[in-house]
Amino acid sequence: MENKAFLLFVLLIFFLGRDYCQTISLPQYNVNINDTSTSGLSSGGYMSVQFQVAFSSIMKGAGIIAGGPYNCAQGKLNTATTTCMNPLLNKPNVSQYVSTTKSRSNSGSIDDYNYLTDQKVYLFSGTLDTTVHPPVMDALNQYYENFIDSSNIVYINDMPAAHTFPTTDENENKCSQSFTPYISYCNYDAAGELLQHIYDNKLNRPSTTEYTGKVYEFDQSEFLSNPTSQSLSKTGYVYVPKNCDNQAQCILHVAFHGCSQNYQAIKDQYILNTGYLPWADANNLIILFPQTVNSISLGNFAGCWDWWGYTNSQYDVKSGYQMDAVYQMVKRATSGYISIGAPTNLQVVNVTETSVSLSWDSVSQATGYNVYRGGVLVNQQPTTSTNYIDTTVQSGTTYTYYVVSLYNNGESQPSTSVTVTTEGNPPPLGEVPNFHSTDVSATSVTLSWDFLSGAQEYNIYRNNTQIEANITTNSYTDNGLTASTTYSYQVAGYSNIEGVGPLSNSVVVTTDSDFDCQVYKDSNYNQVQNGRAYTDLGYTYAKGSSENMGLYNTFVTTSLAEISQDYYIISDTCNTSN
């Protein structure tokens, strides 16, 4: 009983940390609706195409993983499962889809297709995908080329990936596997690559795989009455970086899950494990995760998005139930947009060993300004002046500044930046701060640290031996390691004047096991007979973990995952991190 109470307490803390304990009304954020983008896998890929095409006037671009052309299914389930997934006999008719798009555009049921012209599109089709076969994605590429210049389209179709969402997380399924949660380690960051392409390769690459914003659960019934009647869940989720919660100007991206990937099926794995969140933090991206729900009455047993017409014949135009609901979510999330110009003519007017003086031109309607140094807010309170003196600098050190305008607590886009080096010699190098590990696998360790004032580069040490120098970022991945082995790391700053500074604190890390996990689903009787479990007083227990599997007979079936040699846990997946 005490163990159960403790487990309940741990679970409560787990969910409180993710803000899932209370469903809120979707907030308004300082987001320009015309910078909206979308992406998705499988049915989410098809939904992303529909959403981009139907609401093209507000879209920046789309990323499609294993989807297909607009209106491919033409309202028919049989067409969806053949032509639009496995076109052995009937190939996708691209010219017909293009004609339908133009006809609907002219009628007003979708936005003017000319809005697509300058948008960016990212496409991914794994060579091992046997669910949505590569020829379907080829047809989608051809479809887009009728509206978008090929230079704006990136098509990745040479990677040996199954029907899955590719990530760099080694804790996920193998890239060649297509089973729940349909997220795999492919040593490829699909979320990051598609976001980079959509936003003109101007995004900051995350320095860590961790995230610092919040996931909020919001009420989807505000956007569609009785949502479950149209296979839309009552609740959706939105990830909001800290800056966006504080009314900084941000960007909205809509991420559609695939079939069997809604919260009902895999909880928050699509939200947390697909790789969107570190990119969101690094670039002020709000990620909207609308949710479906399984529906027996509609024949939508796997919680797919409606791309074949199970709701009604209007499923892929602006008035479609799911389409309009998500659009209303986008309108709500972007309704706090503050349209105010960024400061111009930012310049350095004076530099000493201990101060940097800045000035810029005033912005009409601005109620104040914030000054950022190296991306970190410098002024404790907003300044109403168009001048600022930073007295927290060190001598002989290089800094980069930008300024933003404020209006009703919201921020404009950043001004152009200026870089300046203070006078005098730099201070002695200290220890590199906040040195820690951010990711560990069987063969690699990823390390991160905060930038050290005065350091131009960094050296990495493993087991007291230098293994890398001339690092200019604040992270490093050590590859080619041995599984189940302990390593000790340190980092030191380097400057051209002082050379190498003192070593940091030590970070001791043990690499993961390279054991190939297997899942065995069988009756409790057979699990015991095959040496994966044992019996005691009529009950069955997993070998190693001793988890109770229930009665020892041929009727009770249990899935056991062998996560290390002769160590079994009750689980239907090898992903034990969720």
Protein backbone atom coordinates (compact mmCIF):
# COMPACT_ATOMS: atom_id res chain seq x y z
CA MET A 1 0.00 0.00 0.00
CA GLU A 2 2.86 2.39 0.85
CA ASN A 3 4.50 1.64 -2.54
CA LYS A 4 1.25 2.41 -4.36
CA ALA A 5 0.90 5.71 -2.50
CA PHE A 6 4.46 6.66 -3.40
CA LEU A 7 3.88 5.76 -7.07
CA LEU A 8 0.75 7.89 -7.11
CA PHE A 9 2.74 10.79 -5.67
CA VAL A 10 5.48 10.41 -8.30
CA LEU A 11 2.93 10.32 -11.11
CA LEU A 12 1.23 13.40 -9.72
CA ILE A 13 4.51 15.32 -9.69
CA PHE A 14 5.27 14.06 -13.24
CA PHE A 15 2.08 15.42 -14.69
CA LEU A 16 2.16 18.64 -12.67
CA GLY A 17 5.54 19.38 -14.27
CA ARG A 18 3.92 19.25 -17.69
CA ASP A 19 0.87 21.40 -16.85
CA TYR A 20 -1.50 18.61 -17.92
CA CYS A 21 -3.40 18.66 -14.64
CA GLN A 22 -5.73 21.44 -15.77
CA THR A 23 -7.37 22.05 -19.15
CA ILE A 24 -7.18 25.73 -20.06
CA SER A 25 -8.62 27.94 -22.77
CA LEU A 26 -6.08 28.28 -25.60
CA PRO A 27 -4.28 31.60 -24.88
CA GLN A 28 -3.54 34.46 -27.25
CA TYR A 29 0.09 35.00 -28.20
CA ASN A 30 2.16 37.66 -29.92
CA VAL A 31 2.29 35.78 -33.23
CA ASN A 32 1.85 36.95 -36.82
CA ILE A 33 -0.69 34.58 -38.38
CA ASN A 34 0.99 35.04 -41.79
CA ASP A 35 4.09 33.19 -40.58
CA THR A 36 2.16 30.00 -39.71
CA SER A 37 3.53 26.65 -40.91
CA THR A 38 2.54 23.02 -40.55
CA SER A 39 3.92 19.48 -40.65
CA GLY A 40 2.82 15.93 -40.04
CA LEU A 41 3.36 12.21 -40.51
CA SER A 42 1.07 9.85 -42.45
CA SER A 43 -2.56 11.01 -41.97
CA GLY A 44 -0.97 14.05 -40.32
CA GLY A 45 1.04 14.53 -43.50
CA TYR A 46 -2.12 14.45 -45.60
CA MET A 47 -3.77 16.85 -43.13
CA SER A 48 -0.80 19.21 -43.39
CA VAL A 49 -1.14 19.28 -47.19
CA GLN A 50 -4.88 19.97 -46.90
CA PHE A 51 -4.36 22.69 -44.31
CA GLN A 52 -1.57 24.40 -46.26
CA VAL A 53 -3.51 24.38 -49.53
CA ALA A 54 -6.89 25.36 -48.08
CA PHE A 55 -5.51 28.19 -45.91
CA SER A 56 -2.56 29.14 -48.11
CA SER A 57 -3.06 32.87 -47.48
CA ILE A 58 -1.66 32.54 -43.93
CA MET A 59 0.94 29.84 -44.52
CA LYS A 60 4.73 30.03 -44.67
CA GLY A 61 5.25 26.42 -45.71
CA ALA A 62 4.78 22.76 -44.82
CA GLY A 63 6.77 19.63 -43.94
CA ILE A 64 5.29 16.33 -45.07
CA ILE A 65 6.51 12.92 -43.90
CA ALA A 66 4.84 10.00 -45.71
CA GLY A 67 1.77 11.88 -46.95
CA GLY A 68 0.34 12.48 -50.38
CA PRO A 69 -1.25 14.93 -52.84
CA TYR A 70 -4.19 17.18 -52.05
CA ASN A 71 -7.60 15.48 -52.56
CA CYS A 72 -5.87 12.20 -53.42
CA ALA A 73 -8.59 10.03 -51.84
CA GLN A 74 -11.42 12.03 -53.44
CA GLY A 75 -13.70 11.11 -50.56
CA LYS A 76 -13.31 7.35 -50.98
CA LEU A 77 -11.74 5.01 -48.43
CA ASN A 78 -10.88 2.40 -51.06
CA THR A 79 -8.99 5.01 -53.09
CA ALA A 80 -7.21 6.17 -49.94
CA THR A 81 -5.91 2.68 -49.13
CA THR A 82 -4.86 1.85 -52.68
CA THR A 83 -4.01 4.80 -54.95
CA CYS A 84 -2.95 7.02 -52.05
CA MET A 85 -0.98 4.44 -50.06
CA ASN A 86 -0.03 1.44 -52.19
CA PRO A 87 -0.62 2.33 -55.85
CA LEU A 88 0.13 -1.00 -57.49
CA LEU A 89 -2.64 -0.69 -60.09
CA ASN A 90 -4.03 2.85 -59.97
CA LYS A 91 -1.34 5.52 -59.91
CA PRO A 92 -2.04 8.92 -58.35
CA ASN A 93 -3.52 11.29 -60.96
CA VAL A 94 -1.53 14.46 -60.33
CA SER A 95 -3.12 16.47 -63.15
CA GLN A 96 -6.56 15.78 -61.66
CA TYR A 97 -5.45 16.93 -58.19
CA VAL A 98 -4.02 20.12 -59.68
CA SER A 99 -7.25 20.75 -61.58
CA THR A 100 -9.33 20.23 -58.42
CA THR A 101 -7.10 22.64 -56.50
CA LYS A 102 -7.50 25.37 -59.10
CA SER A 103 -11.26 24.81 -59.42
CA ARG A 104 -11.81 25.00 -55.66
CA SER A 105 -9.54 28.02 -55.44
CA ASN A 106 -11.64 29.82 -58.05
CA SER A 107 -14.85 28.92 -56.20
CA GLY A 108 -13.51 30.20 -52.86
CA SER A 109 -13.82 26.90 -50.97
CA ILE A 110 -10.03 27.09 -50.49
CA ASP A 111 -7.67 30.08 -50.65
CA ASP A 112 -6.16 31.38 -53.89
CA TYR A 113 -3.55 28.83 -54.99
CA ASN A 114 -1.22 31.68 -56.01
CA TYR A 115 -0.44 32.14 -52.32
CA LEU A 116 1.54 28.89 -52.55
CA THR A 117 4.07 30.34 -55.02
CA ASP A 118 6.71 31.55 -52.54
CA GLN A 119 6.16 28.95 -49.84
CA LYS A 120 8.71 26.36 -48.75
CA VAL A 121 7.94 22.63 -48.77
CA TYR A 122 9.91 19.80 -47.15
CA LEU A 123 9.14 16.19 -48.16
CA PHE A 124 10.40 12.94 -46.62
CA SER A 125 9.78 9.41 -47.92
CA GLY A 126 11.66 6.45 -46.44
CA THR A 127 12.82 3.77 -48.87
CA LEU A 128 11.48 1.11 -46.44
CA ASP A 129 8.02 2.66 -46.10
CA THR A 130 5.46 -0.05 -46.91
CA THR A 131 2.47 1.93 -45.59
CA VAL A 132 2.60 5.05 -47.76
CA HIS A 133 4.80 3.82 -50.57
CA PRO A 134 7.41 6.15 -52.12
CA PRO A 135 5.51 6.59 -55.46
CA VAL A 136 2.79 8.43 -53.52
CA MET A 137 5.31 10.93 -52.20
CA ASP A 138 6.75 11.23 -55.72
CA ALA A 139 3.26 12.25 -56.82
CA LEU A 140 3.09 14.83 -54.01
CA ASN A 141 6.39 16.29 -55.18
CA GLN A 142 5.01 16.54 -58.72
CA TYR A 143 1.82 18.12 -57.38
CA TYR A 144 3.74 20.86 -55.56
CA GLU A 145 5.91 21.58 -58.61
CA ASN A 146 2.74 22.82 -60.35
CA PHE A 147 2.47 25.64 -57.82
CA ILE A 148 5.90 26.12 -56.24
CA ASP A 149 9.32 26.58 -57.82
CA SER A 150 11.38 23.41 -57.40
CA SER A 151 14.13 25.42 -55.67
CA ASN A 152 11.73 25.89 -52.74
CA ILE A 153 11.11 22.14 -52.41
CA VAL A 154 13.39 19.77 -50.50
CA TYR A 155 12.65 16.07 -51.11
CA ILE A 156 14.50 13.48 -49.01
CA ASN A 157 13.81 10.06 -50.55
CA ASP A 158 17.04 8.08 -50.16
CA MET A 159 17.02 7.21 -46.46
CA PRO A 160 16.35 3.58 -45.36
CA ALA A 161 13.49 4.51 -43.06
CA ALA A 162 10.19 2.74 -42.48
CA HIS A 163 6.81 4.43 -41.97
CA THR A 164 7.93 6.46 -38.95
CA PHE A 165 9.00 9.88 -37.69
CA PRO A 166 12.83 10.12 -37.99
CA THR A 167 14.73 11.49 -34.99
CA THR A 168 18.20 11.51 -33.42
CA ASP A 169 16.94 9.90 -30.20
CA GLU A 170 18.61 6.50 -29.77
CA ASN A 171 15.96 5.52 -27.21
CA GLU A 172 13.33 5.28 -29.95
CA ASN A 173 12.58 2.40 -32.34
CA LYS A 174 15.04 1.37 -35.02
CA CYS A 175 14.74 3.36 -38.24
CA SER A 176 13.74 0.22 -40.13
CA GLN A 177 10.85 -0.46 -37.75
CA SER A 178 7.28 0.78 -38.09
CA PHE A 179 5.39 0.16 -34.87
CA THR A 180 4.10 2.16 -31.94
CA PRO A 181 4.82 4.96 -31.25
CA TYR A 182 5.99 5.31 -34.89
CA ILE A 183 8.96 7.43 -33.81
CA SER A 184 12.43 6.10 -34.66
CA TYR A 185 16.13 6.68 -34.29
CA CYS A 186 17.39 7.38 -37.81
CA ASN A 187 20.28 9.65 -36.81
CA TYR A 188 18.31 12.32 -38.64
CA ASP A 189 16.44 15.26 -37.13
CA ALA A 190 13.38 15.49 -39.37
CA ALA A 191 11.64 18.07 -37.17
CA GLY A 192 14.66 20.35 -37.24
CA GLU A 193 15.34 19.88 -40.95
CA LEU A 194 11.78 20.68 -42.00
CA LEU A 195 11.57 23.73 -39.71
CA GLN A 196 14.92 25.03 -40.99
CA HIS A 197 13.80 24.73 -44.60
CA ILE A 198 10.40 26.33 -44.04
CA TYR A 199 11.99 29.31 -42.30
CA ASP A 200 14.72 29.92 -44.89
CA ASN A 201 17.53 28.21 -42.93
CA LYS A 202 17.59 31.13 -40.51
CA LEU A 203 16.72 29.24 -37.33
CA ASN A 204 19.15 28.81 -34.44
CA ARG A 205 20.25 25.22 -33.92
CA PRO A 206 19.47 24.02 -30.38
CA SER A 207 22.47 23.65 -28.10
CA THR A 208 20.68 20.97 -26.06
CA THR A 209 17.98 18.33 -26.47
CA GLU A 210 16.34 19.55 -23.26
CA TYR A 211 13.45 22.01 -23.28
CA THR A 212 12.46 24.76 -20.86
CA GLY A 213 9.01 25.86 -21.99
CA LYS A 214 5.64 24.41 -20.99
CA VAL A 215 3.13 22.02 -22.53
CA TYR A 216 -0.42 23.20 -21.93
CA GLU A 217 -3.56 21.11 -22.32
CA PHE A 218 -6.32 23.22 -23.88
CA ASP A 219 -10.02 22.85 -24.59
CA GLN A 220 -10.68 21.96 -28.25
CA SER A 221 -14.47 22.05 -27.77
CA GLU A 222 -14.22 25.87 -27.94
CA PHE A 223 -13.47 25.46 -31.64
CA LEU A 224 -15.95 22.71 -32.55
CA SER A 225 -19.13 21.88 -30.68
CA ASN A 226 -19.25 18.21 -29.63
CA PRO A 227 -15.79 17.56 -31.13
CA THR A 228 -15.79 13.79 -30.54
CA SER A 229 -18.71 13.46 -32.99
CA GLN A 230 -16.20 14.46 -35.70
CA SER A 231 -13.33 12.36 -34.26
CA LEU A 232 -11.69 15.43 -32.70
CA SER A 233 -10.58 15.10 -29.09
CA LYS A 234 -11.98 17.37 -26.40
CA THR A 235 -8.44 18.45 -25.55
CA GLY A 236 -5.36 19.47 -27.52
CA TYR A 237 -1.84 20.48 -26.53
CA VAL A 238 0.39 23.46 -27.19
CA TYR A 239 4.08 23.90 -26.39
CA VAL A 240 5.04 27.45 -25.43
CA PRO A 241 8.66 28.62 -24.89
CA LYS A 242 9.26 30.90 -21.91
CA ASN A 243 9.75 33.99 -24.06
CA CYS A 244 6.45 33.42 -25.84
CA ASP A 245 4.62 33.12 -22.52
CA ASN A 246 6.10 36.54 -21.73
CA GLN A 247 4.64 38.10 -24.90
CA ALA A 248 7.79 38.07 -27.01
CA GLN A 249 7.03 37.99 -30.73
CA CYS A 250 6.92 34.32 -31.74
CA ILE A 251 6.04 31.99 -34.63
CA LEU A 252 3.32 29.32 -34.77
CA HIS A 253 3.82 25.82 -36.17
CA VAL A 254 1.01 23.25 -36.32
CA ALA A 255 2.21 19.64 -35.90
CA PHE A 256 -0.32 16.96 -36.91
CA HIS A 257 0.23 13.48 -35.46
CA GLY A 258 -0.35 10.38 -37.56
CA CYS A 259 -2.74 7.46 -37.11
CA SER A 260 -2.29 5.67 -33.77
CA GLN A 261 -0.24 8.63 -32.52
CA ASN A 262 -2.83 10.74 -30.73
CA TYR A 263 -2.71 11.25 -26.97
CA GLN A 264 -5.28 8.48 -26.58
CA ALA A 265 -2.84 6.01 -28.18
CA ILE A 266 0.68 7.03 -27.08
CA LYS A 267 0.12 9.76 -24.46
CA ASP A 268 2.60 12.65 -24.91
CA GLN A 269 5.26 10.81 -26.92
CA TYR A 270 4.49 12.63 -30.19
CA ILE A 271 4.69 15.93 -28.34
CA LEU A 272 7.89 15.26 -26.40
CA ASN A 273 9.91 12.80 -28.48
CA THR A 274 9.69 13.93 -32.12
CA GLY A 275 12.31 16.67 -31.73
CA TYR A 276 10.20 19.80 -32.15
CA LEU A 277 10.62 21.23 -28.65
CA PRO A 278 14.37 22.08 -28.54
CA TRP A 279 13.93 23.93 -31.84
CA ALA A 280 10.93 25.73 -30.38
CA ASP A 281 12.95 26.99 -27.41
CA ALA A 282 15.88 28.10 -29.55
CA ASN A 283 13.68 30.07 -31.97
CA ASN A 284 10.56 31.26 -30.12
CA LEU A 285 8.36 28.74 -31.92
CA ILE A 286 4.98 27.86 -30.44
CA ILE A 287 4.07 24.29 -31.48
CA LEU A 288 0.34 23.50 -31.66
CA PHE A 289 -0.48 19.79 -31.34
CA PRO A 290 -4.21 19.40 -32.17
CA GLN A 291 -5.61 15.99 -31.29
CA THR A 292 -7.98 13.45 -32.78
CA VAL A 293 -9.85 10.74 -30.92
CA ASN A 294 -10.70 7.22 -32.12
CA SER A 295 -14.26 6.85 -33.40
CA ILE A 296 -16.00 3.53 -34.02
CA SER A 297 -19.12 5.21 -35.42
CA LEU A 298 -17.10 7.04 -38.09
CA GLY A 299 -14.89 4.04 -38.87
CA ASN A 300 -11.83 5.91 -37.65
CA PHE A 301 -10.47 3.21 -35.37
CA ALA A 302 -6.88 4.52 -35.25
CA GLY A 303 -7.53 8.23 -34.65
CA CYS A 304 -6.42 9.31 -38.14
CA TRP A 305 -7.02 12.82 -39.41
CA ASP A 306 -9.79 12.99 -41.99
CA TRP A 307 -8.13 12.87 -45.39
CA TRP A 308 -10.59 10.48 -47.07
CA GLY A 309 -13.99 11.88 -46.02
CA TYR A 310 -15.15 9.96 -42.96
CA THR A 311 -16.73 13.15 -41.51
CA ASN A 312 -18.39 14.52 -44.67
CA SER A 313 -17.66 15.51 -48.27
CA GLN A 314 -16.22 18.88 -47.20
CA TYR A 315 -13.38 17.28 -45.23
CA ASP A 316 -10.51 18.90 -47.19
CA VAL A 317 -11.83 22.43 -47.78
CA LYS A 318 -11.94 25.41 -45.42
CA SER A 319 -15.40 24.52 -44.09
CA GLY A 320 -14.47 20.93 -43.16
CA TYR A 321 -15.13 20.17 -39.49
CA GLN A 322 -11.55 19.36 -38.53
CA MET A 323 -10.04 21.88 -40.95
CA ASP A 324 -12.08 24.80 -39.62
CA ALA A 325 -11.55 23.78 -35.99
CA VAL A 326 -7.75 23.84 -36.37
CA TYR A 327 -7.97 27.13 -38.28
CA GLN A 328 -9.94 28.64 -35.39
CA MET A 329 -7.22 27.40 -33.02
CA VAL A 330 -4.62 29.17 -35.16
CA LYS A 331 -6.68 32.37 -35.17
CA ARG A 332 -6.99 32.25 -31.38
CA ALA A 333 -3.29 31.56 -30.79
CA THR A 334 -2.25 34.42 -33.09
CA SER A 335 -4.84 36.97 -31.93
CA GLY A 336 -2.41 38.61 -29.49
CA TYR A 337 -0.15 39.82 -32.30
CA ILE A 338 1.42 43.20 -31.73
CA SER A 339 2.34 44.90 -34.99
CA ILE A 340 5.12 47.29 -34.09
CA GLY A 341 8.35 47.99 -35.91
CA ALA A 342 11.80 46.96 -34.70
CA PRO A 343 14.25 49.71 -33.72
CA THR A 344 16.49 50.93 -36.54
CA ASN A 345 19.95 52.48 -36.74
CA LEU A 346 21.32 50.67 -33.68
CA GLN A 347 24.91 51.80 -33.16
CA VAL A 348 27.71 51.87 -30.60
CA VAL A 349 28.39 55.47 -29.53
CA ASN A 350 31.09 54.87 -26.91
CA VAL A 351 33.25 52.02 -25.58
CA THR A 352 35.47 51.80 -22.49
CA GLU A 353 36.97 48.94 -20.49
CA THR A 354 33.84 48.76 -18.32
CA SER A 355 30.96 50.07 -20.44
CA VAL A 356 29.28 50.02 -23.84
CA SER A 357 26.98 52.88 -24.86
CA LEU A 358 24.27 52.25 -27.46
CA SER A 359 21.74 54.38 -29.31
CA TRP A 360 18.93 53.78 -31.81
CA ASP A 361 16.10 55.61 -33.52
CA SER A 362 12.74 55.83 -31.79
CA VAL A 363 9.77 53.72 -32.96
CA SER A 364 6.30 55.23 -33.23
CA GLN A 365 3.84 53.79 -30.65
CA ALA A 366 6.61 52.00 -28.74
CA THR A 367 6.07 52.17 -24.98
CA GLY A 368 9.66 51.18 -24.25
CA TYR A 369 12.62 49.09 -25.34
CA ASN A 370 14.54 46.01 -24.20
CA VAL A 371 18.25 45.55 -24.82
CA TYR A 372 19.66 42.05 -25.38
CA ARG A 373 23.33 41.01 -25.18
CA GLY A 374 24.16 37.61 -26.58
CA GLY A 375 20.43 36.87 -26.67
CA VAL A 376 20.03 37.59 -22.93
CA LEU A 377 18.05 40.56 -21.60
CA VAL A 378 20.40 43.17 -20.11
CA ASN A 379 18.13 45.90 -18.71
CA GLN A 380 16.24 44.97 -15.54
CA GLN A 381 13.30 47.19 -16.47
CA PRO A 382 12.19 48.42 -19.92
CA THR A 383 13.80 51.70 -20.89
CA THR A 384 11.85 54.54 -22.49
CA SER A 385 15.05 56.18 -23.72
CA THR A 386 16.68 55.48 -27.08
CA ASN A 387 20.06 55.26 -25.36
CA TYR A 388 21.46 52.63 -23.05
CA ILE A 389 24.77 52.19 -21.22
CA ASP A 390 25.72 48.63 -20.32
CA THR A 391 28.04 48.73 -17.31
CA THR A 392 28.11 44.97 -16.68
CA VAL A 393 30.76 44.23 -19.34
CA GLN A 394 34.34 43.06 -18.85
CA SER A 395 37.46 44.51 -20.45
CA GLY A 396 38.86 43.09 -23.68
CA THR A 397 35.69 41.09 -24.35
CA THR A 398 33.50 40.90 -27.47
CA TYR A 399 29.72 41.35 -27.17
CA THR A 400 26.78 41.35 -29.59
CA TYR A 401 23.66 43.47 -28.96
CA TYR A 402 20.19 43.92 -30.40
CA VAL A 403 17.17 45.96 -29.27
CA VAL A 404 13.41 45.31 -29.45
CA SER A 405 10.45 47.69 -29.26
CA LEU A 406 7.73 47.15 -26.63
CA TYR A 407 4.00 47.71 -26.89
CA ASN A 408 1.54 46.50 -24.22
CA ASN A 409 4.25 44.10 -22.88
CA GLY A 410 4.74 42.54 -26.32
CA GLU A 411 8.03 42.66 -28.21
CA SER A 412 8.80 43.49 -31.82
CA GLN A 413 11.21 41.57 -33.98
CA PRO A 414 14.87 42.23 -33.03
CA SER A 415 16.77 45.12 -34.59
CA THR A 416 19.86 44.44 -36.64
CA SER A 417 22.66 43.51 -34.25
CA VAL A 418 25.95 45.27 -33.51
CA THR A 419 29.17 43.65 -32.25
CA VAL A 420 31.72 45.48 -30.13
CA THR A 421 34.92 44.65 -28.21
CA THR A 422 35.59 46.55 -24.98
CA GLU A 423 38.94 48.22 -24.40
CA GLY A 424 41.80 46.75 -22.37
CA ASN A 425 42.90 43.20 -21.76
CA PRO A 426 40.38 40.46 -21.08
CA PRO A 427 40.04 39.22 -17.49
CA PRO A 428 41.71 35.94 -16.52
CA LEU A 429 39.78 32.97 -17.79
CA GLY A 430 37.75 31.22 -15.12
CA GLU A 431 36.18 27.79 -15.09
CA VAL A 432 33.62 27.09 -17.79
CA PRO A 433 30.21 27.28 -16.05
CA ASN A 434 27.35 24.77 -16.01
CA PHE A 435 29.22 21.89 -17.64
CA HIS A 436 26.91 18.84 -17.85
CA SER A 437 25.80 15.97 -20.05
CA THR A 438 22.57 16.32 -22.06
CA ASP A 439 22.34 12.97 -23.86
CA VAL A 440 23.86 9.50 -23.48
CA SER A 441 23.63 6.49 -25.79
CA ALA A 442 25.54 3.23 -26.10
CA THR A 443 28.19 4.84 -28.32
CA SER A 444 28.02 8.60 -27.66
CA VAL A 445 27.85 11.29 -24.99
CA THR A 446 26.62 14.85 -25.64
CA LEU A 447 27.99 17.59 -23.38
CA SER A 448 26.87 21.19 -22.93
CA TRP A 449 28.02 24.27 -21.03
CA ASP A 450 27.42 28.00 -20.74
CA PHE A 451 29.63 30.38 -22.70
CA LEU A 452 32.58 31.71 -20.72
CA SER A 453 33.38 35.42 -20.94
CA GLY A 454 36.72 35.97 -22.71
CA ALA A 455 36.93 32.49 -24.22
CA GLN A 456 37.08 32.22 -28.01
CA GLU A 457 37.25 28.43 -28.10
CA TYR A 458 36.93 25.37 -25.89
CA ASN A 459 38.91 22.17 -25.33
CA ILE A 460 37.32 18.86 -24.29
CA TYR A 461 39.05 16.30 -22.08
CA ARG A 462 38.09 12.65 -21.59
CA ASN A 463 39.70 10.71 -18.74
CA ASN A 464 42.28 13.51 -18.30
CA THR A 465 43.32 13.46 -21.99
CA GLN A 466 42.43 16.21 -24.46
CA ILE A 467 40.27 14.79 -27.26
CA GLU A 468 39.06 17.93 -29.04
CA ALA A 469 40.08 21.58 -29.43
CA ASN A 470 38.97 24.68 -31.33
CA ILE A 471 35.30 24.22 -30.42
CA THR A 472 33.42 27.50 -30.93
CA THR A 473 29.95 26.35 -29.83
CA ASN A 474 28.78 25.44 -26.31
CA SER A 475 28.11 21.75 -26.94
CA TYR A 476 30.03 18.69 -28.08
CA THR A 477 29.18 15.06 -28.92
CA ASP A 478 31.80 12.39 -28.26
CA ASN A 479 31.15 9.49 -30.64
CA GLY A 480 32.63 6.02 -31.07
CA LEU A 481 32.45 5.08 -27.39
CA THR A 482 32.12 1.62 -25.85
CA ALA A 483 28.77 0.54 -24.43
CA SER A 484 28.32 0.15 -20.65
CA THR A 485 31.56 2.06 -19.98
CA THR A 486 32.18 4.94 -17.57
CA TYR A 487 33.89 8.10 -18.82
CA SER A 488 34.96 11.32 -17.10
CA TYR A 489 34.85 14.65 -18.96
CA GLN A 490 36.08 18.20 -18.39
CA VAL A 491 36.11 21.34 -20.53
CA ALA A 492 38.41 24.37 -20.53
CA GLY A 493 38.15 27.76 -22.21
CA TYR A 494 40.82 29.12 -24.52
CA SER A 495 41.72 32.70 -25.49
CA ASN A 496 44.36 33.96 -27.90
CA ILE A 497 45.90 36.07 -25.15
CA GLU A 498 45.87 33.70 -22.16
CA GLY A 499 45.82 30.33 -23.80
CA VAL A 500 44.02 27.51 -21.99
CA GLY A 501 42.10 28.33 -18.82
CA PRO A 502 41.40 26.11 -15.80
CA LEU A 503 39.54 22.83 -16.15
CA SER A 504 35.87 22.71 -15.27
CA ASN A 505 34.12 20.36 -12.89
CA SER A 506 34.21 16.69 -13.90
CA VAL A 507 31.15 15.06 -15.47
CA VAL A 508 31.09 11.29 -15.04
CA VAL A 509 28.88 9.40 -17.49
CA THR A 510 28.24 5.71 -18.13
CA THR A 511 27.20 4.82 -21.65
CA ASP A 512 24.06 2.78 -22.24
CA SER A 513 24.06 -0.93 -22.86
CA ASP A 514 24.10 -2.08 -26.48
CA PHE A 515 21.82 -4.99 -25.64
CA ASP A 516 19.27 -5.54 -28.43
CA CYS A 517 15.93 -5.40 -26.63
CA GLN A 518 13.19 -7.83 -27.70
CA VAL A 519 9.47 -7.98 -26.86
CA TYR A 520 7.75 -11.33 -26.29
CA LYS A 521 3.94 -11.55 -26.18
CA ASP A 522 2.64 -14.92 -25.00
CA SER A 523 0.55 -16.67 -22.38
CA ASN A 524 1.90 -16.64 -18.86
CA TYR A 525 2.30 -20.40 -19.08
CA ASN A 526 4.52 -20.15 -22.19
CA GLN A 527 6.50 -17.22 -20.74
CA VAL A 528 7.49 -19.47 -17.83
CA GLN A 529 8.21 -22.45 -20.08
CA ASN A 530 10.53 -20.29 -22.21
CA GLY A 531 12.48 -19.07 -19.19
CA ARG A 532 11.24 -15.48 -19.24
CA ALA A 533 9.20 -15.73 -16.05
CA TYR A 534 8.74 -17.85 -12.95
CA THR A 535 5.82 -18.92 -10.73
CA ASP A 536 5.10 -18.57 -7.04
CA LEU A 537 1.86 -19.54 -5.26
CA GLY A 538 -0.11 -19.63 -8.49
CA TYR A 539 1.07 -16.24 -9.79
CA THR A 540 3.56 -15.43 -12.55
CA TYR A 541 6.47 -13.00 -12.18
CA ALA A 542 8.79 -11.50 -14.80
CA LYS A 543 12.34 -12.79 -14.54
CA GLY A 544 14.68 -10.06 -13.35
CA SER A 545 12.16 -7.35 -12.42
CA SER A 546 9.81 -9.74 -10.55
CA GLU A 547 6.82 -7.74 -11.77
CA ASN A 548 3.51 -9.54 -11.14
CA MET A 549 2.05 -10.80 -14.44
CA GLY A 550 -1.10 -12.31 -12.96
CA LEU A 551 -2.26 -15.92 -12.71
CA TYR A 552 -0.12 -18.75 -14.03
CA ASN A 553 -2.23 -20.30 -16.81
CA THR A 554 -2.64 -20.40 -20.59
CA PHE A 555 -5.42 -17.80 -20.65
CA VAL A 556 -3.63 -14.71 -19.33
CA THR A 557 -1.40 -13.10 -21.97
CA THR A 558 1.45 -10.70 -21.09
CA SER A 559 4.01 -8.76 -23.13
CA LEU A 560 7.53 -8.89 -21.73
CA ALA A 561 10.42 -6.71 -22.89
CA GLU A 562 13.92 -8.09 -22.33
CA ILE A 563 15.77 -4.82 -21.68
CA SER A 564 19.03 -6.49 -20.64
CA GLN A 565 20.34 -10.04 -20.56
CA ASP A 566 17.70 -12.19 -18.76
CA TYR A 567 16.01 -9.08 -17.30
CA TYR A 568 12.35 -8.70 -18.28
CA ILE A 569 9.76 -6.03 -17.60
CA ILE A 570 6.06 -5.93 -18.38
CA SER A 571 5.91 -3.76 -21.50
CA ASP A 572 4.78 -3.97 -25.11
CA THR A 573 7.63 -1.74 -26.26
CA CYS A 574 11.38 -1.51 -25.80
CA ASN A 575 11.07 2.23 -25.22
CA THR A 576 11.31 2.36 -21.44
CA SER A 577 11.87 6.13 -21.23
CA ASN A 578 8.19 7.07 -21.27
